[in-house]
Amino acid sequence: MSQESHSPLTALGQAARAAAHVLAVTTTAQKNRALAAIADALEANSSAILAANAKDIEAARASGMGDAMLDRLLLNEARLAGIIGDVRKVIVLDDPVGSELESRVLENGLRLSRRRVPIGVIGVIYEARPNVTIDIASLCLKTGNASILRGGRETFHSNLALVQVIQQALELSGLPAASVQYIDNPDRALVTELLRLDRYVDMIIPRGGAGLHKMCKEQSTIPVIIGGFGISHTFVDASADLARALDVIENAKVQRPSACNALDTLLVHQAIAAEFLPALVARMNQCHVTLVADGNAQALLKGAKQLREAGPEDFDTEWLSLTLGVKLVKDVDEALAHMREHNAGHSDAILTNDLAHAERFINGAGSAAVYVNASTRFTDGGQFGLGAEVAVSTQMLHARGPMGLVELTSYKWVGQADYLSRP
């Protein structure tokens, strides 16, 4: 017998593949009814879901988990209501499956088109975010994809409760419960097995830190979508409206510092540093933000309540907390050079009133999402009108930025003719 036949994941893979075949021919109306049933079931079972999440929070606190990760893990009534609302938003979005990308008739009479189709089976490995379970399930279902989910140990009770509700709703809707499956064994060896289950799984999406992405890239025999990690930068140009720039910076850093699109490094044009940095200090002091600055900036940040000099790795750190790196640069090009050296690729912004500088920044930044005079916090499937997201891709191929419905499809060529027999 093959090694695969002994794998505990083989049965999940086979069931997911069978479910994907069913979903591929399921109508949009059927999928929408299933999504409505999931939203209703989540609402009806909210008390049980929140109780399961409370167990995870209690265990996480006991283990010494930091505030940033606890915030990612937490579900409350408002967050759960938001998640349920996102499911209902997906219902009203256009189903991309079956839509034509292009169509033309060849000289021989063959009508040739490219039509969107589901990818098949999506494997998702993620950490600490129970909302991801719902996002993945709803977006995959809408696009006719089956999913195999592997959450972190810290979300065990939350995810089991969520998936149980989803599977019950699927069955009541007449769709396979195996359309959404969860690996409930915490053994990390199963992650490696999932990464090599290429007979059944078509795409792997990791959502977590750099270590998780590195492991997936190195060990997977399945195509991997890389994303979610990257140092987010904002460059304050010499022409920026400095008072309004502070509002954008505060939002990007403070609104939800544990998010992957929160601001990590602030690059400030040296020509305005003497005027701008004292104002930054006052605002960040109000928000209890620790500033980590290079030598030139440090001298202008002396009023900061929490300030330290930047070390060799600090500008490569995704803070996920109320910490902000600060560095002075001489122009747009030096800002871009710093970003290229320090893991830009997720969400980056320029604050400027100079159109030429804005265009230079847009063209020079290699980020999946680039902003002019806006917060990096907008990099989100819901904010982009995608309903939700399965990940924020930072790679160049297939998909970039928040991955919504369209990014969960592939395409096939369709040729139609009147019994055409020869090329």
Foldseek 3Di string as FASTA:
>chain_A
DDPLVPDPCNVLLVLQQVLLVVLQPDDLVLLLQLLVLLLVLCVVCVVQLQVLLVVLLVVCVVVVHDPLLSVQQDDDPVNSVVLSVLSNLLSPDDQQAQDWPDWDADPLGKIKTKGWTFLEEEEEEEERHLSLLSQVLSLCSSRSYAYEYEYAPSNLSNNVVSLVSSLVSCVVSVGHSSSYHYDNDNPPVVVLVVLAPVVRHAEYEYADDPVVQVVSVVRHPHHYFDAQAFAEEEEEAPAFPLVLVLVQLCCLCQVQLLGSLRHAEYEYAPVCLLPRQVVNQVSLQVRVAAEEEDPVNVVSNVSHPHYDYDDPCRLQDSDSDRYYYYYYDNALVRVLVSRVVRGAQAEYEYGHPDPVSRVCNVVSGLYLYYYYSHHSVCQFCVSVSLSGASGAGRDDPQDHTGHHNSSSIDIDMDIDRDPDDDD
